Amino acid sequence: MSTFDLWYKRKRPNPVPRKKGLVELSHKALGIIDEIQEIRTRNNKNWMDILRIAFQYAPDETKKKMADITECDAEINKLSRQLAEGEEK
């Protein structure tokens, strides 16, 4: 058994149940996804810290940028909803 397999068993003792007919992800792919999730969690904290600093030192400019970000997020959410509902138009 490889080092990765040992690490993966400790990290994910109850693997995601696999459904027949679906493409199976390898243990390595699932491990990489877990690592990305951990890194994104840390990075999200960094972004929130930057946001706090921005509101503290430049609240008016930050509010304008937040409005722009919210508008872009709304567009992304609309497209995501189309994918989730199977409306790829």
Protein backbone atom coordinates (compact mmCIF):
# COMPACT_ATOMS: atom_id res chain seq x y z
CA MET A 1 0.00 0.00 0.00
CA SER A 2 1.40 3.39 -1.00
CA THR A 3 1.98 6.33 1.31
CA PHE A 4 -0.85 8.14 -0.42
CA ASP A 5 -3.26 5.25 0.21
CA LEU A 6 -2.37 5.26 3.91
CA TRP A 7 -2.80 9.04 4.11
CA TYR A 8 -6.08 8.86 2.23
CA LYS A 9 -7.53 6.17 4.51
CA ARG A 10 -6.73 8.33 7.55
CA LYS A 11 -8.08 11.44 5.87
CA ARG A 12 -11.26 9.91 4.46
CA PRO A 13 -12.15 6.78 6.45
CA ASN A 14 -15.65 6.61 4.96
CA PRO A 15 -15.29 7.19 1.24
CA VAL A 16 -18.09 8.71 -0.77
CA PRO A 17 -20.44 5.92 -1.88
CA ARG A 18 -20.04 5.20 -5.55
CA LYS A 19 -23.08 4.82 -7.75
CA LYS A 20 -23.14 2.36 -10.59
CA GLY A 21 -22.83 3.99 -13.99
CA LEU A 22 -21.05 7.12 -12.76
CA VAL A 23 -17.44 7.88 -13.51
CA GLU A 24 -15.47 6.90 -10.46
CA LEU A 25 -12.95 9.35 -9.07
CA SER A 26 -9.68 7.84 -8.01
CA HIS A 27 -8.52 8.05 -4.42
CA LYS A 28 -5.78 10.40 -5.61
CA ALA A 29 -8.30 12.73 -7.30
CA LEU A 30 -10.48 12.83 -4.17
CA GLY A 31 -7.40 13.54 -2.05
CA ILE A 32 -6.45 16.44 -4.31
CA ILE A 33 -10.00 17.82 -4.08
CA ASP A 34 -9.78 17.63 -0.27
CA GLU A 35 -6.48 19.54 -0.35
CA ILE A 36 -7.97 22.24 -2.59
CA GLN A 37 -10.89 22.59 -0.16
CA GLU A 38 -8.51 23.08 2.78
CA ILE A 39 -6.48 25.70 0.89
CA ARG A 40 -9.63 27.54 -0.23
CA THR A 41 -10.83 27.65 3.38
CA ARG A 42 -7.61 29.37 4.46
CA ASN A 43 -7.69 31.68 1.46
CA ASN A 44 -11.31 32.71 2.12
CA LYS A 45 -10.20 33.82 5.59
CA ASN A 46 -7.49 35.96 3.96
CA TRP A 47 -10.04 37.57 1.62
CA MET A 48 -12.33 38.40 4.55
CA ASP A 49 -9.40 40.01 6.38
CA ILE A 50 -8.68 42.17 3.32
CA LEU A 51 -12.36 43.13 3.15
CA ARG A 52 -12.33 44.23 6.82
CA ILE A 53 -9.26 46.39 6.20
CA ALA A 54 -10.83 47.90 3.07
CA PHE A 55 -14.03 48.85 4.90
CA GLN A 56 -12.00 50.30 7.75
CA TYR A 57 -9.76 52.52 5.61
CA ALA A 58 -11.82 53.21 2.47
CA PRO A 59 -15.47 52.45 3.21
CA ASP A 60 -17.04 54.42 0.34
CA GLU A 61 -14.77 52.94 -2.33
CA THR A 62 -15.18 49.47 -0.84
CA LYS A 63 -18.99 49.73 -0.92
CA LYS A 64 -18.86 50.59 -4.63
CA LYS A 65 -16.62 47.61 -5.37
CA MET A 66 -18.84 45.33 -3.29
CA ALA A 67 -21.82 46.43 -5.40
CA ASP A 68 -19.87 45.52 -8.56
CA ILE A 69 -18.92 42.14 -7.09
CA THR A 70 -22.54 41.48 -6.08
CA GLU A 71 -23.70 42.24 -9.62
CA CYS A 72 -21.17 39.80 -11.10
CA ASP A 73 -22.13 37.17 -8.53
CA ALA A 74 -25.77 37.52 -9.57
CA GLU A 75 -24.79 36.81 -13.19
CA ILE A 76 -22.76 33.78 -12.12
CA ASN A 77 -25.65 32.51 -9.96
CA LYS A 78 -28.05 32.82 -12.89
CA LEU A 79 -25.75 30.79 -15.13
CA SER A 80 -25.16 28.23 -12.37
CA ARG A 81 -28.90 27.84 -11.91
CA GLN A 82 -29.27 27.16 -15.64
CA LEU A 83 -26.67 24.38 -15.40
CA ALA A 84 -28.23 22.91 -12.27
CA GLU A 85 -31.68 22.88 -13.84
CA GLY A 86 -30.41 21.51 -17.15
CA GLU A 87 -31.22 24.62 -19.16
CA GLU A 88 -27.96 24.93 -21.11
CA LYS A 89 -29.14 27.63 -23.52
